[in-house]
Amino acid sequence: MDLEVSPALTIPASELGWRFSRSSGPGGQHVNTSDSRVELFWNVAESAAFTDDQRMLLITRLGRRLIAGVITVTASERRSQLRNREIALAKLADLVADGLAPAAAPRRPTKPTRGSGRRHLAAKQQRSETKRQRQRPPAE
């Protein structure tokens, strides 16, 4: 089953690799006999699903998660291998979509407005007055 990252981008199922193992967690005696933990791996560096620019962008943005150009996603949240497969596919799609998303516009620093400065000082004076009134009166 192909993985649709976005309407314009699809990773063919032939590029995805699966590995299954026994999962820890809920399941009782059933967990000892079934391979419900799922590892999904995909070679970003050799993928034909993306352009060279997209591939380089993914490699730079996902660099910490890549091992020899391969990204691995694991899922063992559910007792069913099928549900864990769906979760792993969704995680990989989210990772790739985030890696290809355009960079956020840089924040432009702004000065506080005159009114906000006044309100800030008024709040500080009010707090100071409250604390001053809580003090013990000076001894005469």
C-alpha atoms as a PDB file:
ATOM      1  CA  MET A   1       0.000   0.000   0.000  1.00  0.00           C
ATOM      2  CA  ASP A   2       1.496   3.335  -1.082  1.00  0.00           C
ATOM      3  CA  LEU A   3       1.968   6.041   1.554  1.00  0.00           C
ATOM      4  CA  GLU A   4       0.309   9.324   0.616  1.00  0.00           C
ATOM      5  CA  VAL A   5       2.225  12.178   2.253  1.00  0.00           C
ATOM      6  CA  SER A   6       0.191  14.863   0.503  1.00  0.00           C
ATOM      7  CA  PRO A   7      -2.081  14.881  -2.559  1.00  0.00           C
ATOM      8  CA  ALA A   8       0.982  15.636  -4.704  1.00  0.00           C
ATOM      9  CA  LEU A   9       3.476  13.296  -2.977  1.00  0.00           C
ATOM     10  CA  THR A  10       3.248   9.543  -2.585  1.00  0.00           C
ATOM     11  CA  ILE A  11       5.891   7.092  -1.411  1.00  0.00           C
ATOM     12  CA  PRO A  12       5.531   3.785  -3.278  1.00  0.00           C
ATOM     13  CA  ALA A  13       5.054   0.683  -1.130  1.00  0.00           C
ATOM     14  CA  SER A  14       8.066  -0.920  -2.827  1.00  0.00           C
ATOM     15  CA  GLU A  15      10.363   1.608  -1.082  1.00  0.00           C
ATOM     16  CA  LEU A  16       8.992   0.847   2.388  1.00  0.00           C
ATOM     17  CA  GLY A  17      10.436  -1.933   4.530  1.00  0.00           C
ATOM     18  CA  TRP A  18       8.770  -3.635   7.466  1.00  0.00           C
ATOM     19  CA  ARG A  19      10.133  -5.502  10.462  1.00  0.00           C
ATOM     20  CA  PHE A  20       8.040  -7.085  13.193  1.00  0.00           C
ATOM     21  CA  SER A  21       8.940  -8.135  16.707  1.00  0.00           C
ATOM     22  CA  ARG A  22       7.354  -8.901  20.035  1.00  0.00           C
ATOM     23  CA  SER A  23       6.039  -5.877  21.814  1.00  0.00           C
ATOM     24  CA  SER A  24       6.163  -5.005  25.477  1.00  0.00           C
ATOM     25  CA  GLY A  25       3.132  -3.578  27.172  1.00  0.00           C
ATOM     26  CA  PRO A  26      -0.516  -4.663  27.322  1.00  0.00           C
ATOM     27  CA  GLY A  27      -1.719  -7.937  25.905  1.00  0.00           C
ATOM     28  CA  GLY A  28      -1.419 -10.546  28.616  1.00  0.00           C
ATOM     29  CA  GLN A  29      -0.394 -14.009  27.432  1.00  0.00           C
ATOM     30  CA  HIS A  30      -1.147 -13.012  23.847  1.00  0.00           C
ATOM     31  CA  VAL A  31       1.835 -10.630  23.813  1.00  0.00           C
ATOM     32  CA  ASN A  32       4.241 -13.538  24.273  1.00  0.00           C
ATOM     33  CA  THR A  33       3.214 -15.200  21.027  1.00  0.00           C
ATOM     34  CA  SER A  34       2.527 -12.432  18.505  1.00  0.00           C
ATOM     35  CA  ASP A  35       4.809  -9.983  16.745  1.00  0.00           C
ATOM     36  CA  SER A  36       2.750  -6.829  17.178  1.00  0.00           C
ATOM     37  CA  ARG A  37       5.592  -4.270  17.381  1.00  0.00           C
ATOM     38  CA  VAL A  38       6.187  -2.671  13.977  1.00  0.00           C
ATOM     39  CA  GLU A  39       9.278  -1.019  12.541  1.00  0.00           C
ATOM     40  CA  LEU A  40       8.832   0.846   9.284  1.00  0.00           C
ATOM     41  CA  PHE A  41      11.948   1.954   7.445  1.00  0.00           C
ATOM     42  CA  TRP A  42      12.430   4.009   4.302  1.00  0.00           C
ATOM     43  CA  ASN A  43      15.616   4.971   2.488  1.00  0.00           C
ATOM     44  CA  VAL A  44      15.381   8.724   1.916  1.00  0.00           C
ATOM     45  CA  ALA A  45      18.675   8.938   0.029  1.00  0.00           C
ATOM     46  CA  GLU A  46      17.701   6.389  -2.641  1.00  0.00           C
ATOM     47  CA  SER A  47      14.016   7.246  -2.966  1.00  0.00           C
ATOM     48  CA  ALA A  48      12.692   7.996  -6.425  1.00  0.00           C
ATOM     49  CA  ALA A  49       9.492   9.538  -5.051  1.00  0.00           C
ATOM     50  CA  PHE A  50      10.960  13.027  -4.655  1.00  0.00           C
ATOM     51  CA  THR A  51      12.981  15.519  -6.641  1.00  0.00           C
ATOM     52  CA  ASP A  52      16.649  16.070  -5.800  1.00  0.00           C
ATOM     53  CA  ASP A  53      15.816  19.354  -4.037  1.00  0.00           C
ATOM     54  CA  GLN A  54      13.130  17.711  -1.902  1.00  0.00           C
ATOM     55  CA  ARG A  55      15.465  14.820  -1.079  1.00  0.00           C
ATOM     56  CA  MET A  56      18.246  17.173   0.036  1.00  0.00           C
ATOM     57  CA  LEU A  57      15.777  19.189   2.117  1.00  0.00           C
ATOM     58  CA  LEU A  58      14.568  16.005   3.827  1.00  0.00           C
ATOM     59  CA  ILE A  59      18.112  14.807   4.458  1.00  0.00           C
ATOM     60  CA  THR A  60      19.129  18.111   6.049  1.00  0.00           C
ATOM     61  CA  ARG A  61      15.967  18.484   8.156  1.00  0.00           C
ATOM     62  CA  LEU A  62      15.743  14.841   9.260  1.00  0.00           C
ATOM     63  CA  GLY A  63      19.511  14.396   9.566  1.00  0.00           C
ATOM     64  CA  ARG A  64      19.466  13.471  13.251  1.00  0.00           C
ATOM     65  CA  ARG A  65      16.898  10.715  12.680  1.00  0.00           C
ATOM     66  CA  LEU A  66      18.641   9.219   9.657  1.00  0.00           C
ATOM     67  CA  ILE A  67      21.031   6.300   9.909  1.00  0.00           C
ATOM     68  CA  ALA A  68      22.890   5.770   6.631  1.00  0.00           C
ATOM     69  CA  GLY A  69      20.125   7.626   4.787  1.00  0.00           C
ATOM     70  CA  VAL A  70      17.371   5.415   6.252  1.00  0.00           C
ATOM     71  CA  ILE A  71      14.627   6.698   8.526  1.00  0.00           C
ATOM     72  CA  THR A  72      13.022   4.229  10.927  1.00  0.00           C
ATOM     73  CA  VAL A  73       9.674   4.640  12.678  1.00  0.00           C
ATOM     74  CA  THR A  74       8.423   2.247  15.352  1.00  0.00           C
ATOM     75  CA  ALA A  75       4.943   1.669  16.725  1.00  0.00           C
ATOM     76  CA  SER A  76       3.915  -0.617  19.563  1.00  0.00           C
ATOM     77  CA  GLU A  77       1.034   1.373  21.054  1.00  0.00           C
ATOM     78  CA  ARG A  78      -1.692  -1.136  20.130  1.00  0.00           C
ATOM     79  CA  ARG A  79      -2.097  -4.871  20.630  1.00  0.00           C
ATOM     80  CA  SER A  80      -2.848  -5.427  16.946  1.00  0.00           C
ATOM     81  CA  GLN A  81      -0.087  -5.520  14.344  1.00  0.00           C
ATOM     82  CA  LEU A  82      -2.461  -4.021  11.781  1.00  0.00           C
ATOM     83  CA  ARG A  83      -3.206  -0.995  13.984  1.00  0.00           C
ATOM     84  CA  ASN A  84       0.507  -0.548  14.681  1.00  0.00           C
ATOM     85  CA  ARG A  85       1.177  -0.644  10.923  1.00  0.00           C
ATOM     86  CA  GLU A  86      -1.343   2.155  10.398  1.00  0.00           C
ATOM     87  CA  ILE A  87       0.193   4.191  13.215  1.00  0.00           C
ATOM     88  CA  ALA A  88       3.709   3.738  11.803  1.00  0.00           C
ATOM     89  CA  LEU A  89       2.558   4.845   8.340  1.00  0.00           C
ATOM     90  CA  ALA A  90       0.907   7.936   9.828  1.00  0.00           C
ATOM     91  CA  LYS A  91       4.065   8.780  11.823  1.00  0.00           C
ATOM     92  CA  LEU A  92       6.248   8.498   8.723  1.00  0.00           C
ATOM     93  CA  ALA A  93       3.840  10.616   6.672  1.00  0.00           C
ATOM     94  CA  ASP A  94       3.867  13.305   9.380  1.00  0.00           C
ATOM     95  CA  LEU A  95       7.678  13.277   9.560  1.00  0.00           C
ATOM     96  CA  VAL A  96       8.052  13.635   5.802  1.00  0.00           C
ATOM     97  CA  ALA A  97       5.358  16.327   5.586  1.00  0.00           C
ATOM     98  CA  ASP A  98       7.040  18.315   8.376  1.00  0.00           C
ATOM     99  CA  GLY A  99      10.423  17.890   6.707  1.00  0.00           C
ATOM    100  CA  LEU A 100       9.104  19.260   3.412  1.00  0.00           C
ATOM    101  CA  ALA A 101       7.026  22.072   4.918  1.00  0.00           C
ATOM    102  CA  PRO A 102       8.217  25.569   4.066  1.00  0.00           C
ATOM    103  CA  ALA A 103      10.267  27.299   6.742  1.00  0.00           C
ATOM    104  CA  ALA A 104       8.358  29.661   8.996  1.00  0.00           C
ATOM    105  CA  ALA A 105       8.851  33.362   8.385  1.00  0.00           C
ATOM    106  CA  PRO A 106      11.476  34.782  10.745  1.00  0.00           C
ATOM    107  CA  ARG A 107      10.121  36.807  13.641  1.00  0.00           C
ATOM    108  CA  ARG A 108      10.623  40.520  13.339  1.00  0.00           C
ATOM    109  CA  PRO A 109      11.407  42.036  16.726  1.00  0.00           C
ATOM    110  CA  THR A 110       9.099  44.893  17.728  1.00  0.00           C
ATOM    111  CA  LYS A 111       9.194  47.469  20.487  1.00  0.00           C
ATOM    112  CA  PRO A 112       6.489  47.432  23.144  1.00  0.00           C
ATOM    113  CA  THR A 113       3.806  50.070  22.613  1.00  0.00           C
ATOM    114  CA  ARG A 114       3.660  53.101  24.850  1.00  0.00           C
ATOM    115  CA  GLY A 115       0.355  51.945  26.338  1.00  0.00           C
ATOM    116  CA  SER A 116       1.698  48.480  27.184  1.00  0.00           C
ATOM    117  CA  GLY A 117       4.689  50.098  28.892  1.00  0.00           C
ATOM    118  CA  ARG A 118       2.389  52.255  30.996  1.00  0.00           C
ATOM    119  CA  ARG A 119       0.213  49.289  31.944  1.00  0.00           C
ATOM    120  CA  HIS A 120       3.343  47.320  32.895  1.00  0.00           C
ATOM    121  CA  LEU A 121       4.569  50.085  35.193  1.00  0.00           C
ATOM    122  CA  ALA A 122       1.101  50.594  36.704  1.00  0.00           C
ATOM    123  CA  ALA A 123       0.861  46.878  37.514  1.00  0.00           C
ATOM    124  CA  LYS A 124       4.315  46.959  39.139  1.00  0.00           C
ATOM    125  CA  GLN A 125       3.341  49.992  41.239  1.00  0.00           C
ATOM    126  CA  GLN A 126       0.085  48.302  42.289  1.00  0.00           C
ATOM    127  CA  ARG A 127       1.956  45.163  43.336  1.00  0.00           C
ATOM    128  CA  SER A 128       4.522  47.236  45.225  1.00  0.00           C
ATOM    129  CA  GLU A 129       1.779  49.093  47.068  1.00  0.00           C
ATOM    130  CA  THR A 130       0.044  45.818  47.995  1.00  0.00           C
ATOM    131  CA  LYS A 131       3.258  44.416  49.449  1.00  0.00           C
ATOM    132  CA  ARG A 132       4.048  47.669  51.265  1.00  0.00           C
ATOM    133  CA  GLN A 133       0.645  47.614  52.974  1.00  0.00           C
ATOM    134  CA  ARG A 134       1.259  44.077  54.228  1.00  0.00           C
ATOM    135  CA  GLN A 135       4.337  45.156  56.173  1.00  0.00           C
ATOM    136  CA  ARG A 136       4.280  45.657  59.909  1.00  0.00           C
ATOM    137  CA  PRO A 137       4.001  49.339  60.774  1.00  0.00           C
ATOM    138  CA  PRO A 138       7.246  50.897  61.961  1.00  0.00           C
ATOM    139  CA  ALA A 139       7.767  50.916  65.741  1.00  0.00           C
ATOM    140  CA  GLU A 140       7.674  54.357  67.364  1.00  0.00           C
END
